[in-house]
PDB file of N, CA and C in Angstrom:
ATOM      1  N   UNK A   1     147.102  65.257  87.603  1.00  0.00           N
ATOM      2  CA  UNK A   1     146.877  64.500  88.822  1.00  0.00           C
ATOM      3  C   UNK A   1     145.560  63.740  88.704  1.00  0.00           C
ATOM      4  N   UNK A   2     145.491  62.607  89.343  1.00  0.00           N
ATOM      5  CA  UNK A   2     144.282  61.794  89.289  1.00  0.00           C
ATOM      6  C   UNK A   2     143.145  62.515  90.045  1.00  0.00           C
ATOM      7  N   UNK A   3     141.903  62.101  89.803  1.00  0.00           N
ATOM      8  CA  UNK A   3     140.765  62.769  90.430  1.00  0.00           C
ATOM      9  C   UNK A   3     140.557  62.328  91.885  1.00  0.00           C
ATOM     10  N   UNK A   4     141.030  61.133  92.222  1.00  0.00           N
ATOM     11  CA  UNK A   4     140.978  60.638  93.609  1.00  0.00           C
ATOM     12  C   UNK A   4     142.296  59.975  93.926  1.00  0.00           C
ATOM     13  N   UNK A   5     142.755  60.185  95.137  1.00  0.00           N
ATOM     14  CA  UNK A   5     144.014  59.565  95.558  1.00  0.00           C
ATOM     15  C   UNK A   5     143.954  59.315  97.059  1.00  0.00           C
ATOM     16  N   UNK A   6     144.422  58.132  97.461  1.00  0.00           N
ATOM     17  CA  UNK A   6     144.523  57.855  98.898  1.00  0.00           C
ATOM     18  C   UNK A   6     145.661  58.683  99.478  1.00  0.00           C
ATOM     19  N   UNK A   7     145.505  59.094 100.707  1.00  0.00           N
ATOM     20  CA  UNK A   7     146.512  59.909 101.364  1.00  0.00           C
ATOM     21  C   UNK A   7     147.895  59.277 101.269  1.00  0.00           C
ATOM     22  N   UNK A   8     147.952  57.965 101.358  1.00  0.00           N
ATOM     23  CA  UNK A   8     149.248  57.264 101.310  1.00  0.00           C
ATOM     24  C   UNK A   8     149.931  57.387  99.946  1.00  0.00           C
ATOM     25  N   UNK A   9     149.199  57.832  98.936  1.00  0.00           N
ATOM     26  CA  UNK A   9     149.767  57.938  97.571  1.00  0.00           C
ATOM     27  C   UNK A   9     149.997  59.399  97.139  1.00  0.00           C
ATOM     28  N   UNK A  10     149.688  60.353  97.993  1.00  0.00           N
ATOM     29  CA  UNK A  10     149.820  61.760  97.629  1.00  0.00           C
ATOM     30  C   UNK A  10     151.268  62.120  97.327  1.00  0.00           C
ATOM     31  N   UNK A  11     152.216  61.637  98.120  1.00  0.00           N
ATOM     32  CA  UNK A  11     153.620  61.974  97.863  1.00  0.00           C
ATOM     33  C   UNK A  11     154.044  61.466  96.461  1.00  0.00           C
ATOM     34  N   UNK A  12     153.599  60.298  96.074  1.00  0.00           N
ATOM     35  CA  UNK A  12     153.869  59.795  94.734  1.00  0.00           C
ATOM     36  C   UNK A  12     153.286  60.716  93.665  1.00  0.00           C
ATOM     37  N   UNK A  13     152.080  61.213  93.891  1.00  0.00           N
ATOM     38  CA  UNK A  13     151.458  62.142  92.959  1.00  0.00           C
ATOM     39  C   UNK A  13     152.255  63.455  92.881  1.00  0.00           C
ATOM     40  N   UNK A  14     152.754  63.909  94.017  1.00  0.00           N
ATOM     41  CA  UNK A  14     153.558  65.144  94.038  1.00  0.00           C
ATOM     42  C   UNK A  14     154.835  65.004  93.206  1.00  0.00           C
ATOM     43  N   UNK A  15     155.309  63.777  93.039  1.00  0.00           N
ATOM     44  CA  UNK A  15     156.548  63.562  92.287  1.00  0.00           C
ATOM     45  C   UNK A  15     156.401  63.909  90.797  1.00  0.00           C
ATOM     46  N   UNK A  16     155.171  64.068  90.331  1.00  0.00           N
ATOM     47  CA  UNK A  16     154.918  64.404  88.935  1.00  0.00           C
ATOM     48  C   UNK A  16     155.260  65.841  88.586  1.00  0.00           C
ATOM     49  N   UNK A  17     155.574  66.651  89.572  1.00  0.00           N
ATOM     50  CA  UNK A  17     155.823  68.070  89.353  1.00  0.00           C
ATOM     51  C   UNK A  17     157.305  68.367  89.320  1.00  0.00           C
ATOM     52  N   UNK A  18     157.671  69.447  88.609  1.00  0.00           N
ATOM     53  CA  UNK A  18     159.042  69.933  88.590  1.00  0.00           C
ATOM     54  C   UNK A  18     159.265  70.822  89.810  1.00  0.00           C
ATOM     55  N   UNK A  19     160.312  70.591  90.496  1.00  0.00           N
ATOM     56  CA  UNK A  19     160.639  71.351  91.720  1.00  0.00           C
ATOM     57  C   UNK A  19     161.889  72.171  91.519  1.00  0.00           C
ATOM     58  N   UNK A  20     161.984  73.298  92.191  1.00  0.00           N
ATOM     59  CA  UNK A  20     161.049  73.861  93.181  1.00  0.00           C
ATOM     60  C   UNK A  20     159.752  74.317  92.484  1.00  0.00           C
ATOM     61  N   UNK A  21     158.674  74.359  93.282  1.00  0.00           N
ATOM     62  CA  UNK A  21     157.379  74.796  92.779  1.00  0.00           C
ATOM     63  C   UNK A  21     156.751  75.732  93.811  1.00  0.00           C
ATOM     64  N   UNK A  22     156.124  76.804  93.324  1.00  0.00           N
ATOM     65  CA  UNK A  22     155.416  77.732  94.221  1.00  0.00           C
ATOM     66  C   UNK A  22     154.129  77.082  94.728  1.00  0.00           C
ATOM     67  N   UNK A  23     153.778  77.377  95.953  1.00  0.00           N
ATOM     68  CA  UNK A  23     152.547  76.823  96.533  1.00  0.00           C
ATOM     69  C   UNK A  23     151.353  77.123  95.657  1.00  0.00           C
ATOM     70  N   UNK A  24     151.237  78.343  95.142  1.00  0.00           N
ATOM     71  CA  UNK A  24     150.064  78.704  94.319  1.00  0.00           C
ATOM     72  C   UNK A  24     149.960  77.827  93.068  1.00  0.00           C
ATOM     73  N   UNK A  25     151.097  77.462  92.476  1.00  0.00           N
ATOM     74  CA  UNK A  25     151.079  76.601  91.302  1.00  0.00           C
ATOM     75  C   UNK A  25     150.633  75.187  91.653  1.00  0.00           C
ATOM     76  N   UNK A  26     151.089  74.706  92.817  1.00  0.00           N
ATOM     77  CA  UNK A  26     150.691  73.371  93.259  1.00  0.00           C
ATOM     78  C   UNK A  26     149.218  73.350  93.632  1.00  0.00           C
ATOM     79  N   UNK A  27     148.726  74.427  94.233  1.00  0.00           N
ATOM     80  CA  UNK A  27     147.296  74.536  94.565  1.00  0.00           C
ATOM     81  C   UNK A  27     146.480  74.415  93.270  1.00  0.00           C
ATOM     82  N   UNK A  28     146.873  75.176  92.271  1.00  0.00           N
ATOM     83  CA  UNK A  28     146.146  75.159  90.985  1.00  0.00           C
ATOM     84  C   UNK A  28     146.134  73.773  90.383  1.00  0.00           C
ATOM     85  N   UNK A  29     147.258  73.097  90.416  1.00  0.00           N
ATOM     86  CA  UNK A  29     147.352  71.750  89.837  1.00  0.00           C
ATOM     87  C   UNK A  29     146.559  70.717  90.616  1.00  0.00           C
ATOM     88  N   UNK A  30     146.458  70.898  91.918  1.00  0.00           N
ATOM     89  CA  UNK A  30     145.835  69.880  92.795  1.00  0.00           C
ATOM     90  C   UNK A  30     144.340  70.093  92.998  1.00  0.00           C
ATOM     91  N   UNK A  31     143.834  71.280  92.683  1.00  0.00           N
ATOM     92  CA  UNK A  31     142.414  71.571  92.877  1.00  0.00           C
ATOM     93  C   UNK A  31     141.586  70.615  92.026  1.00  0.00           C
ATOM     94  N   UNK A  32     140.592  70.031  92.666  1.00  0.00           N
ATOM     95  CA  UNK A  32     139.726  69.058  91.997  1.00  0.00           C
ATOM     96  C   UNK A  32     140.119  67.623  92.238  1.00  0.00           C
ATOM     97  N   UNK A  33     141.265  67.416  92.893  1.00  0.00           N
ATOM     98  CA  UNK A  33     141.684  66.064  93.259  1.00  0.00           C
ATOM     99  C   UNK A  33     141.216  65.795  94.685  1.00  0.00           C
ATOM    100  N   UNK A  34     140.501  64.709  94.867  1.00  0.00           N
ATOM    101  CA  UNK A  34     139.995  64.342  96.177  1.00  0.00           C
ATOM    102  C   UNK A  34     140.990  63.409  96.866  1.00  0.00           C
ATOM    103  N   UNK A  35     141.368  63.789  98.083  1.00  0.00           N
ATOM    104  CA  UNK A  35     142.247  62.922  98.908  1.00  0.00           C
ATOM    105  C   UNK A  35     141.319  62.104  99.807  1.00  0.00           C
ATOM    106  N   UNK A  36     141.479  60.796  99.748  1.00  0.00           N
ATOM    107  CA  UNK A  36     140.691  59.864 100.560  1.00  0.00           C
ATOM    108  C   UNK A  36     141.427  59.571 101.851  1.00  0.00           C
ATOM    109  N   UNK A  37     140.744  59.827 102.956  1.00  0.00           N
ATOM    110  CA  UNK A  37     141.304  59.581 104.288  1.00  0.00           C
ATOM    111  C   UNK A  37     140.742  58.289 104.880  1.00  0.00           C
ATOM    112  N   UNK A  38     141.214  57.945 106.052  1.00  0.00           N
ATOM    113  CA  UNK A  38     140.674  56.798 106.779  1.00  0.00           C
ATOM    114  C   UNK A  38     139.189  57.017 107.062  1.00  0.00           C
ATOM    115  N   UNK A  39     138.810  58.252 107.291  1.00  0.00           N
ATOM    116  CA  UNK A  39     137.415  58.577 107.616  1.00  0.00           C
ATOM    117  C   UNK A  39     137.067  59.908 106.956  1.00  0.00           C
ATOM    118  N   UNK A  40     136.782  59.878 105.666  1.00  0.00           N
ATOM    119  CA  UNK A  40     136.398  61.096 104.953  1.00  0.00           C
ATOM    120  C   UNK A  40     137.321  61.418 103.804  1.00  0.00           C
ATOM    121  N   UNK A  41     137.193  62.653 103.315  1.00  0.00           N
ATOM    122  CA  UNK A  41     138.008  63.109 102.218  1.00  0.00           C
ATOM    123  C   UNK A  41     138.098  64.629 102.216  1.00  0.00           C
ATOM    124  N   UNK A  42     138.943  65.170 101.352  1.00  0.00           N
ATOM    125  CA  UNK A  42     139.072  66.625 101.207  1.00  0.00           C
ATOM    126  C   UNK A  42     139.698  66.913  99.840  1.00  0.00           C
ATOM    127  N   UNK A  43     139.516  68.145  99.377  1.00  0.00           N
ATOM    128  CA  UNK A  43     140.132  68.571  98.133  1.00  0.00           C
ATOM    129  C   UNK A  43     141.601  68.868  98.371  1.00  0.00           C
ATOM    130  N   UNK A  44     142.477  68.244  97.599  1.00  0.00           N
ATOM    131  CA  UNK A  44     143.912  68.413  97.789  1.00  0.00           C
ATOM    132  C   UNK A  44     144.338  69.851  97.570  1.00  0.00           C
ATOM    133  N   UNK A  45     143.737  70.529  96.612  1.00  0.00           N
ATOM    134  CA  UNK A  45     144.076  71.935  96.372  1.00  0.00           C
ATOM    135  C   UNK A  45     143.784  72.786  97.587  1.00  0.00           C
ATOM    136  N   UNK A  46     142.648  72.536  98.259  1.00  0.00           N
ATOM    137  CA  UNK A  46     142.298  73.287  99.468  1.00  0.00           C
ATOM    138  C   UNK A  46     143.320  73.014 100.589  1.00  0.00           C
ATOM    139  N   UNK A  47     143.734  71.772 100.721  1.00  0.00           N
ATOM    140  CA  UNK A  47     144.717  71.423 101.748  1.00  0.00           C
ATOM    141  C   UNK A  47     146.041  72.116 101.479  1.00  0.00           C
ATOM    142  N   UNK A  48     146.509  72.084 100.230  1.00  0.00           N
ATOM    143  CA  UNK A  48     147.774  72.717  99.898  1.00  0.00           C
ATOM    144  C   UNK A  48     147.673  74.219 100.130  1.00  0.00           C
ATOM    145  N   UNK A  49     146.518  74.813  99.828  1.00  0.00           N
ATOM    146  CA  UNK A  49     146.317  76.252 100.044  1.00  0.00           C
ATOM    147  C   UNK A  49     146.462  76.633 101.508  1.00  0.00           C
ATOM    148  N   UNK A  50     146.144  75.691 102.409  1.00  0.00           N
ATOM    149  CA  UNK A  50     146.236  75.948 103.848  1.00  0.00           C
ATOM    150  C   UNK A  50     147.675  75.882 104.389  1.00  0.00           C
ATOM    151  N   UNK A  51     148.596  75.393 103.573  1.00  0.00           N
ATOM    152  CA  UNK A  51     149.997  75.281 104.021  1.00  0.00           C
ATOM    153  C   UNK A  51     150.626  76.658 104.095  1.00  0.00           C
ATOM    154  N   UNK A  52     151.323  76.914 105.190  1.00  0.00           N
ATOM    155  CA  UNK A  52     151.959  78.210 105.408  1.00  0.00           C
ATOM    156  C   UNK A  52     153.428  78.144 104.933  1.00  0.00           C
ATOM    157  N   UNK A  53     153.576  77.876 103.662  1.00  0.00           N
ATOM    158  CA  UNK A  53     154.904  77.786 103.044  1.00  0.00           C
ATOM    159  C   UNK A  53     154.720  78.219 101.598  1.00  0.00           C
ATOM    160  N   UNK A  54     155.554  79.110 101.127  1.00  0.00           N
ATOM    161  CA  UNK A  54     155.374  79.691  99.807  1.00  0.00           C
ATOM    162  C   UNK A  54     155.932  78.843  98.655  1.00  0.00           C
ATOM    163  N   UNK A  55     156.861  77.933  98.964  1.00  0.00           N
ATOM    164  CA  UNK A  55     157.538  77.183  97.924  1.00  0.00           C
ATOM    165  C   UNK A  55     157.992  75.847  98.450  1.00  0.00           C
ATOM    166  N   UNK A  56     157.972  74.844  97.589  1.00  0.00           N
ATOM    167  CA  UNK A  56     158.402  73.507  97.950  1.00  0.00           C
ATOM    168  C   UNK A  56     159.611  73.103  97.120  1.00  0.00           C
ATOM    169  N   UNK A  57     160.595  72.532  97.766  1.00  0.00           N
ATOM    170  CA  UNK A  57     161.818  72.152  97.090  1.00  0.00           C
ATOM    171  C   UNK A  57     161.790  70.742  96.471  1.00  0.00           C
ATOM    172  N   UNK A  58     160.852  69.909  96.940  1.00  0.00           N
ATOM    173  CA  UNK A  58     160.742  68.534  96.488  1.00  0.00           C
ATOM    174  C   UNK A  58     159.367  67.989  96.830  1.00  0.00           C
ATOM    175  N   UNK A  59     159.064  66.814  96.271  1.00  0.00           N
ATOM    176  CA  UNK A  59     157.805  66.141  96.611  1.00  0.00           C
ATOM    177  C   UNK A  59     157.759  65.823  98.104  1.00  0.00           C
ATOM    178  N   UNK A  60     158.899  65.432  98.639  1.00  0.00           N
ATOM    179  CA  UNK A  60     158.992  65.104 100.057  1.00  0.00           C
ATOM    180  C   UNK A  60     158.699  66.338 100.898  1.00  0.00           C
ATOM    181  N   UNK A  61     159.217  67.479 100.494  1.00  0.00           N
ATOM    182  CA  UNK A  61     158.992  68.741 101.187  1.00  0.00           C
ATOM    183  C   UNK A  61     157.510  69.108 101.186  1.00  0.00           C
ATOM    184  N   UNK A  62     156.875  68.981 100.030  1.00  0.00           N
ATOM    185  CA  UNK A  62     155.457  69.309  99.917  1.00  0.00           C
ATOM    186  C   UNK A  62     154.613  68.356 100.779  1.00  0.00           C
ATOM    187  N   UNK A  63     154.927  67.067 100.760  1.00  0.00           N
ATOM    188  CA  UNK A  63     154.163  66.093 101.530  1.00  0.00           C
ATOM    189  C   UNK A  63     154.340  66.316 103.022  1.00  0.00           C
ATOM    190  N   UNK A  64     155.569  66.629 103.452  1.00  0.00           N
ATOM    191  CA  UNK A  64     155.813  66.900 104.874  1.00  0.00           C
ATOM    192  C   UNK A  64     155.012  68.119 105.317  1.00  0.00           C
ATOM    193  N   UNK A  65     154.962  69.155 104.510  1.00  0.00           N
ATOM    194  CA  UNK A  65     154.195  70.350 104.852  1.00  0.00           C
ATOM    195  C   UNK A  65     152.700  70.037 104.901  1.00  0.00           C
ATOM    196  N   UNK A  66     152.237  69.163 103.983  1.00  0.00           N
ATOM    197  CA  UNK A  66     150.840  68.775 103.972  1.00  0.00           C
ATOM    198  C   UNK A  66     150.420  68.106 105.278  1.00  0.00           C
ATOM    199  N   UNK A  67     151.315  67.347 105.860  1.00  0.00           N
ATOM    200  CA  UNK A  67     151.018  66.633 107.112  1.00  0.00           C
ATOM    201  C   UNK A  67     150.547  67.579 108.219  1.00  0.00           C
ATOM    202  N   UNK A  68     151.006  68.827 108.164  1.00  0.00           N
ATOM    203  CA  UNK A  68     150.682  69.795 109.218  1.00  0.00           C
ATOM    204  C   UNK A  68     149.284  70.402 109.072  1.00  0.00           C
ATOM    205  N   UNK A  69     148.613  70.204 107.951  1.00  0.00           N
ATOM    206  CA  UNK A  69     147.293  70.804 107.732  1.00  0.00           C
ATOM    207  C   UNK A  69     146.189  69.774 107.562  1.00  0.00           C
ATOM    208  N   UNK A  70     146.516  68.502 107.737  1.00  0.00           N
ATOM    209  CA  UNK A  70     145.520  67.454 107.582  1.00  0.00           C
ATOM    210  C   UNK A  70     144.479  67.497 108.709  1.00  0.00           C
ATOM    211  N   UNK A  71     143.215  67.269 108.367  1.00  0.00           N
ATOM    212  CA  UNK A  71     142.182  67.221 109.397  1.00  0.00           C
ATOM    213  C   UNK A  71     142.277  65.942 110.212  1.00  0.00           C
ATOM    214  N   UNK A  72     141.669  65.905 111.343  1.00  0.00           N
ATOM    215  CA  UNK A  72     141.729  64.743 112.246  1.00  0.00           C
ATOM    216  C   UNK A  72     141.210  63.499 111.529  1.00  0.00           C
ATOM    217  N   UNK A  73     140.293  63.631 110.582  1.00  0.00           N
ATOM    218  CA  UNK A  73     139.731  62.502 109.859  1.00  0.00           C
ATOM    219  C   UNK A  73     140.790  61.747 109.055  1.00  0.00           C
ATOM    220  N   UNK A  74     141.921  62.416 108.778  1.00  0.00           N
ATOM    221  CA  UNK A  74     142.967  61.805 107.964  1.00  0.00           C
ATOM    222  C   UNK A  74     143.804  60.793 108.738  1.00  0.00           C
ATOM    223  N   UNK A  75     143.686  60.813 110.035  1.00  0.00           N
ATOM    224  CA  UNK A  75     144.558  59.999 110.868  1.00  0.00           C
ATOM    225  C   UNK A  75     143.851  58.772 111.404  1.00  0.00           C
ATOM    226  N   UNK A  76     144.497  57.628 111.309  1.00  0.00           N
ATOM    227  CA  UNK A  76     143.987  56.404 111.907  1.00  0.00           C
ATOM    228  C   UNK A  76     142.826  55.797 111.138  1.00  0.00           C
ATOM    229  N   UNK A  77     142.335  54.745 111.691  1.00  0.00           N
ATOM    230  CA  UNK A  77     141.191  54.032 111.106  1.00  0.00           C
ATOM    231  C   UNK A  77     139.894  54.595 111.681  1.00  0.00           C
ATOM    232  N   UNK A  78     138.820  54.540 110.936  1.00  0.00           N
ATOM    233  CA  UNK A  78     137.539  55.025 111.462  1.00  0.00           C
ATOM    234  C   UNK A  78     137.177  54.342 112.773  1.00  0.00           C
ATOM    235  N   UNK A  79     136.831  55.142 113.761  1.00  0.00           N
ATOM    236  CA  UNK A  79     136.443  54.602 115.063  1.00  0.00           C
ATOM    237  C   UNK A  79     137.581  54.141 115.928  1.00  0.00           C
ATOM    238  N   UNK A  80     138.797  54.340 115.470  1.00  0.00           N
ATOM    239  CA  UNK A  80     139.968  53.912 116.256  1.00  0.00           C
ATOM    240  C   UNK A  80     140.166  54.834 117.440  1.00  0.00           C
ATOM    241  N   UNK A  81     140.460  54.250 118.580  1.00  0.00           N
ATOM    242  CA  UNK A  81     140.707  55.014 119.791  1.00  0.00           C
ATOM    243  C   UNK A  81     142.074  55.689 119.672  1.00  0.00           C
ATOM    244  N   UNK A  82     142.175  56.887 120.267  1.00  0.00           N
ATOM    245  CA  UNK A  82     143.456  57.591 120.253  1.00  0.00           C
ATOM    246  C   UNK A  82     144.273  57.214 121.478  1.00  0.00           C
ATOM    247  N   UNK A  83     143.796  56.215 122.218  1.00  0.00           N
ATOM    248  CA  UNK A  83     144.568  55.739 123.379  1.00  0.00           C
ATOM    249  C   UNK A  83     144.007  56.214 124.713  1.00  0.00           C
ATOM    250  N   UNK A  84     143.082  57.154 124.679  1.00  0.00           N
ATOM    251  CA  UNK A  84     142.492  57.635 125.939  1.00  0.00           C
ATOM    252  C   UNK A  84     141.526  56.572 126.468  1.00  0.00           C
ATOM    253  N   UNK A  85     141.573  56.407 127.768  1.00  0.00           N
ATOM    254  CA  UNK A  85     140.673  55.418 128.386  1.00  0.00           C
ATOM    255  C   UNK A  85     139.385  56.055 128.806  1.00  0.00           C
TER     256      UNK A  85
END
């Protein structure tokens, strides 16, 4: 896996793995890769470790599960309003 990847490209990076894959194996492979967010970044291995799923059936499955553990900084543009007035 590359050392830095934009969040929008993570699913493509996940496609490099043979599925099904255990979460712990994906964590090991992703550790050290920085995911770049709209406002900040995080280690992909740490994010995958936070997923409450033991195994992924596909890249799409892994990416969908990742969406549930992303920090607020991953969403939207920096300084973008969430719609509250």
